[in-house]
Protein backbone atom coordinates (compact mmCIF):
# COMPACT_ATOMS: atom_id res chain seq x y z
CA MET A 1 316.83 147.35 109.88
CA LYS A 2 319.12 149.72 111.84
CA GLU A 3 320.42 151.60 108.34
CA LEU A 4 318.59 151.56 104.46
CA ARG A 5 320.55 152.98 101.47
CA LEU A 6 318.34 154.62 98.53
CA LYS A 7 317.56 155.92 95.67
CA ALA A 8 315.32 158.65 94.81
CA LEU A 9 314.99 158.81 90.67
CA ALA A 10 313.66 162.25 89.52
CA LYS A 11 311.27 162.84 86.68
CA ILE A 12 310.47 164.20 83.68
CA ASN A 13 307.53 165.87 82.11
CA LEU A 14 306.81 164.17 78.26
CA GLY A 15 303.95 166.50 78.11
CA LEU A 16 302.46 168.71 80.33
CA ASP A 17 299.02 170.06 80.41
CA VAL A 18 296.52 172.74 82.19
CA LEU A 19 293.11 172.46 81.50
CA ARG A 20 291.54 175.61 84.22
CA ARG A 21 292.26 177.35 87.29
CA ARG A 22 290.19 175.42 89.62
CA GLU A 23 287.76 177.80 92.38
CA ASP A 24 290.27 176.33 95.68
CA GLY A 25 293.44 177.97 93.55
CA TYR A 26 295.07 174.76 92.51
CA HIS A 27 295.71 174.01 88.72
CA GLU A 28 293.81 170.70 87.32
CA VAL A 29 296.04 169.03 84.97
CA LYS A 30 296.61 166.72 82.36
CA MET A 31 300.68 165.42 82.07
CA VAL A 32 302.50 162.38 81.46
CA MET A 33 305.44 161.68 84.20
CA GLN A 34 308.14 159.84 82.87
CA THR A 35 311.33 158.26 86.05
CA ILE A 36 314.60 158.68 84.16
CA ARG A 37 318.28 156.77 86.08
CA LEU A 38 319.28 160.47 87.30
CA TYR A 39 318.91 160.21 91.10
CA ASP A 40 319.48 161.59 94.54
CA ARG A 41 321.23 159.34 97.18
CA LEU A 42 319.59 158.61 101.15
CA ILE A 43 321.52 157.15 103.69
CA LEU A 44 318.40 156.59 106.58
CA LYS A 45 319.66 155.83 110.00
CA LYS A 46 317.75 154.36 112.84
CA THR A 47 319.09 156.15 116.76
CA ASP A 48 318.27 155.69 119.89
CA ARG A 49 317.73 159.30 120.94
CA PRO A 50 314.07 160.95 119.43
CA GLY A 51 314.06 163.12 116.66
CA ILE A 52 314.83 163.90 113.36
CA GLN A 53 318.29 164.91 112.09
CA VAL A 54 319.08 166.09 107.69
CA LYS A 55 322.65 165.99 106.91
CA THR A 56 323.25 167.50 103.24
CA ASN A 57 325.50 168.38 99.93
CA LEU A 58 324.04 171.68 99.68
CA TYR A 59 324.97 173.92 101.72
CA TYR A 60 321.52 176.43 101.24
CA LEU A 61 319.13 173.15 101.25
CA PRO A 62 317.29 173.68 104.95
CA ALA A 63 317.65 170.22 106.83
CA ASN A 64 314.49 171.34 109.17
CA GLU A 65 310.74 170.98 108.70
CA ASN A 66 311.28 173.21 105.57
CA ASN A 67 313.09 170.14 103.39
CA LEU A 68 310.60 166.61 102.67
CA VAL A 69 312.62 164.82 103.84
CA TYR A 70 312.01 165.49 107.22
CA GLN A 71 308.19 166.00 106.16
CA ALA A 72 308.44 162.27 105.53
CA ALA A 73 310.21 161.30 108.64
CA LYS A 74 308.09 163.37 110.75
CA LEU A 75 304.64 162.02 109.38
CA LEU A 76 305.60 158.17 109.21
CA GLN A 77 306.59 158.84 112.62
CA ASP A 78 303.38 160.13 114.18
CA GLU A 79 301.52 158.83 112.75
CA PHE A 80 302.44 155.04 114.12
CA ASP A 81 304.01 156.57 117.15
CA LEU A 82 307.50 155.65 116.08
CA LYS A 83 309.76 156.30 118.84
CA SER A 84 312.61 155.94 117.11
CA GLY A 85 314.89 158.86 116.03
CA MET A 86 315.53 159.27 112.21
CA VAL A 87 319.05 160.43 110.95
CA ILE A 88 319.00 160.82 107.00
CA SER A 89 321.49 162.10 105.02
CA LEU A 90 321.20 163.37 100.95
CA ARG A 91 323.00 163.66 98.37
CA LYS A 92 321.65 166.11 95.86
CA PHE A 93 322.67 165.78 92.18
CA ILE A 94 319.26 165.65 90.62
CA PRO A 95 318.93 169.72 89.96
CA VAL A 96 317.07 171.63 92.43
CA ALA A 97 314.12 173.19 92.20
CA ALA A 98 313.94 171.81 88.17
CA GLY A 99 310.84 170.83 87.01
CA MET A 100 312.40 167.30 88.42
CA ALA A 101 310.79 166.72 91.16
CA GLY A 102 313.40 165.99 93.29
CA GLY A 103 312.19 166.59 96.67
CA SER A 104 309.07 164.99 96.45
CA SER A 105 311.11 161.70 94.73
CA ASP A 106 313.67 162.23 98.17
CA ALA A 107 310.37 162.67 100.71
CA ALA A 108 308.35 159.47 98.63
CA ALA A 109 311.99 157.30 99.39
CA VAL A 110 311.94 158.16 103.37
CA LEU A 111 308.61 157.40 103.23
CA TYR A 112 309.33 153.53 101.33
CA GLY A 113 313.02 153.32 103.44
CA MET A 114 310.46 153.79 107.42
CA ASN A 115 308.02 151.50 105.73
CA ARG A 116 310.88 148.94 105.67
CA MET A 117 312.70 149.97 108.83
CA PHE A 118 309.96 149.96 111.00
CA GLN A 119 307.95 146.75 109.26
CA LEU A 120 304.69 148.87 108.37
CA GLN A 121 303.61 147.46 106.42
CA LEU A 122 301.80 149.66 103.98
CA SER A 123 300.84 148.99 100.97
CA ARG A 124 302.40 151.42 97.56
CA GLU A 125 298.77 152.92 97.30
CA GLU A 126 299.00 153.35 101.49
CA LEU A 127 302.08 155.17 100.89
CA MET A 128 300.86 157.05 98.17
CA LYS A 129 298.46 158.45 99.45
CA LEU A 130 300.55 159.18 102.44
CA GLY A 131 302.46 160.63 100.01
CA VAL A 132 300.06 163.37 98.80
CA ARG A 133 299.46 164.84 101.88
CA ILE A 134 303.42 165.95 101.62
CA GLY A 135 303.18 167.36 98.70
CA ALA A 136 300.76 166.58 94.56
CA ASP A 137 303.82 164.90 92.89
CA VAL A 138 304.64 161.77 95.90
CA PRO A 139 303.03 159.77 94.87
CA TYR A 140 303.99 158.99 91.87
CA CYS A 141 307.43 159.13 92.72
CA ILE A 142 306.27 156.07 94.63
CA MET A 143 304.06 155.16 91.37
CA ARG A 144 307.47 155.27 89.03
CA GLY A 145 307.56 154.78 85.75
CA THR A 146 305.44 155.83 82.70
CA ALA A 147 302.36 157.41 84.21
CA LEU A 148 299.02 160.13 83.50
CA ALA A 149 299.05 162.50 86.30
CA GLU A 150 295.74 164.43 86.27
CA GLY A 151 293.62 166.65 89.06
CA ILE A 152 295.86 168.57 90.91
CA GLY A 153 298.54 165.99 89.73
CA GLU A 154 297.89 162.99 92.25
CA GLN A 155 295.24 161.13 89.73
CA LEU A 156 297.67 158.58 88.63
CA SER A 157 296.98 155.94 85.20
CA ALA A 158 300.02 153.28 84.56
CA LEU A 159 300.84 153.52 80.91
CA PRO A 160 302.10 151.61 78.41
CA PRO A 161 306.37 152.14 78.89
CA MET A 162 308.67 154.65 77.60
CA PRO A 163 310.57 153.32 74.62
CA GLU A 164 313.88 153.58 75.86
CA CYS A 165 316.03 156.03 74.43
CA GLN A 166 318.67 158.00 76.08
CA VAL A 167 317.96 161.41 77.60
CA VAL A 168 319.68 164.92 77.91
CA ILE A 169 319.21 166.89 81.47
CA ALA A 170 320.68 170.70 80.63
CA ARG A 171 319.61 172.97 83.62
CA PRO A 172 320.66 177.06 82.39
CA PRO A 173 322.14 179.52 85.37
CA ILE A 174 318.51 180.04 86.70
CA SER A 175 315.96 180.14 88.98
CA VAL A 176 312.15 180.14 87.76
CA SER A 177 309.23 180.20 90.13
CA THR A 178 306.96 177.72 90.26
CA LYS A 179 304.37 179.97 91.63
CA PHE A 180 305.47 182.47 89.25
CA VAL A 181 305.14 180.35 86.33
CA TYR A 182 300.58 179.84 87.30
CA GLU A 183 299.82 182.97 88.00
CA ASN A 184 301.63 184.68 84.63
CA LEU A 185 299.65 181.21 82.74
CA ASN A 186 296.88 183.15 80.80
CA LEU A 187 295.20 180.16 79.12
CA GLY A 188 292.48 181.47 76.48
CA GLU A 189 291.43 180.47 72.61
CA HIS A 190 294.86 180.75 71.56
CA THR A 191 296.50 178.44 74.52
CA VAL A 192 298.19 175.98 72.42
CA HIS A 193 297.57 172.72 74.82
CA PRO A 194 299.75 169.96 73.92
CA ASP A 195 298.29 166.62 72.71
CA ILE A 196 298.39 164.52 75.84
CA ASP A 197 296.52 161.77 73.87
CA ARG A 198 298.32 161.22 71.33
CA ILE A 199 301.47 160.53 72.81
CA ILE A 200 300.02 157.89 75.28
CA LYS A 201 299.22 156.87 71.68
CA GLY A 202 302.63 156.23 70.96
CA LEU A 203 303.20 154.40 73.98
CA GLU A 204 300.59 151.99 73.21
CA GLU A 205 302.09 151.80 69.83
CA GLY A 206 305.91 151.43 71.19
CA ASP A 207 306.47 154.66 68.60
CA LEU A 208 309.46 156.66 69.93
CA HIS A 209 309.11 159.26 67.47
CA GLN A 210 305.38 159.35 67.80
CA VAL A 211 305.93 160.07 71.37
CA ALA A 212 308.76 162.55 70.49
CA ALA A 213 306.75 164.30 67.99
CA HIS A 214 303.45 165.47 70.47
CA MET A 215 305.00 166.42 73.46
CA GLY A 216 304.29 169.50 74.83
CA ASN A 217 304.86 172.08 77.68
CA VAL A 218 302.13 174.94 78.03
CA LEU A 219 303.98 176.68 81.05
CA GLU A 220 306.69 177.31 78.04
CA SER A 221 304.27 179.81 77.15
CA VAL A 222 305.21 181.87 80.37
CA THR A 223 309.08 180.91 81.14
CA ILE A 224 310.61 181.18 77.57
CA PRO A 225 310.02 185.03 77.34
CA HIS A 226 311.12 185.80 80.65
CA TYR A 227 313.95 182.99 80.05
CA PRO A 228 315.86 183.07 76.45
CA VAL A 229 318.02 180.44 77.84
CA ILE A 230 315.36 177.56 77.95
CA ALA A 231 314.52 177.98 73.93
CA ARG A 232 318.24 178.60 73.75
CA ILE A 233 319.07 175.19 74.90
CA LYS A 234 316.11 173.21 73.03
CA GLU A 235 316.98 174.21 69.82
CA GLU A 236 321.04 172.74 70.36
CA MET A 237 319.36 169.91 71.50
CA LYS A 238 317.94 169.59 68.57
CA ALA A 239 320.39 170.20 65.90
CA GLY A 240 322.13 167.95 68.23
CA GLY A 241 319.80 165.03 67.29
CA ALA A 242 317.31 165.46 69.58
CA LEU A 243 313.61 163.96 68.63
CA ASN A 244 312.34 167.19 70.58
CA ALA A 245 313.70 168.76 73.51
CA MET A 246 311.22 170.53 76.09
CA MET A 247 311.16 172.00 79.42
CA SER A 248 310.70 169.97 82.37
CA GLY A 249 307.90 170.80 84.62
CA SER A 250 307.83 174.82 85.71
CA GLY A 251 311.80 174.10 84.55
CA PRO A 252 314.21 175.83 83.96
CA THR A 253 315.17 171.90 82.86
CA VAL A 254 315.28 171.18 79.35
CA PHE A 255 315.90 167.47 78.64
CA GLY A 256 316.04 166.61 75.26
CA LEU A 257 314.97 162.46 74.02
CA PHE A 258 317.42 161.22 71.26
CA ASP A 259 317.79 157.72 69.67
CA ASN A 260 321.73 157.91 68.09
CA LYS A 261 323.85 156.89 71.50
CA GLU A 262 326.11 158.79 69.61
CA LYS A 263 324.82 161.99 68.92
CA ALA A 264 323.36 162.40 73.07
CA GLU A 265 327.28 162.29 74.15
CA GLN A 266 327.78 165.09 71.70
CA THR A 267 325.08 166.94 72.25
CA CYS A 268 326.08 166.42 76.44
CA GLN A 269 329.66 167.84 75.71
CA ALA A 270 328.20 170.66 73.52
CA LEU A 271 326.58 171.64 76.21
CA ARG A 272 328.26 171.19 78.76
CA GLU A 273 331.13 173.14 77.64
CA GLY A 274 329.19 175.87 77.04
CA THR A 275 327.82 178.96 78.92
CA LEU A 276 324.12 177.83 78.15
CA ALA A 277 324.07 174.74 81.15
CA LYS A 278 326.12 175.40 85.17
CA GLN A 279 324.48 171.90 84.85
CA VAL A 280 324.13 168.92 82.01
CA TYR A 281 323.45 165.19 82.20
CA LEU A 282 324.06 162.35 79.75
CA THR A 283 320.58 159.77 81.26
CA ASP A 284 318.25 157.16 80.56
CA ILE A 285 314.93 155.64 80.79
CA TYR A 286 313.48 153.73 84.22
CA ASN A 287 310.53 151.49 83.17
CA THR A 288 310.30 149.73 86.02
CA PHE A 289 308.53 150.50 89.16
CA ARG A 290 308.05 148.19 92.11
CA THR A 291 304.41 147.28 92.21
CA GLU A 292 305.81 145.24 96.00
CA HIS A 293 308.46 145.36 98.23
CA THR A 294 310.68 143.49 97.58
CA GLY A 295 313.63 144.41 99.95
CA LYS A 296 316.14 145.50 97.24
CA GLU A 297 317.69 148.18 97.57
CA GLU A 298 315.61 150.86 95.09
């Protein structure tokens, strides 16, 4: 196999709670993660020339070891002493640095794709163990679907699938530093924590409204006061008929869940015509995840 085309899917957080700051500086989290059908496209090509070449459609993305796709390819080359070179063409659609794990999903796709191309015979679990060496979100992006993430995000448990619904994604024209958000997060007795257990109960009962009603992101307590546009996008989505709307990850992307496709389309169009967001997408839930590598394009 000389060439492989792949899709790297984005994620949203249906619930994101931070339990404490650990002694090693990392934060212990409890999150419900969900894959959606918004994706980047990758083309992997095996070459006789050694090394790794990364090409992207965004001029400001690094094409060297600072890019997670490069790191993923290098990890497998080093781990398995692969002599062939790799050319990775990455076409980005997932908003960059926006709380949707785009970079981690791209890295996961490279691990998955090279595993097939070089017939490394690694299981999904083995790929996930390698992936955590690149980033805490990479194992989930290999797993996909609906999952509970604990620890620093690397401890994953599969959950019942999210009920089908439409998802409107809106990224405002701002950048939010994940480091800034976590450094300014003050966890105390007045912190409002999302009810992750109630979200999981809603998933177990297949009740979209219960899931939406208990969505929450503790990081909004930092981000919204500094970037009020996030709250304004949430309000516009809810006014348009979203069951609920929330910031994903450390932001700034906001998503809204809709059980009415027409209302979702109207809200998406209104956001596109407005000034609150510079990237707006309408998509839906992606529930299927790989139990074994089937050889089909993902």
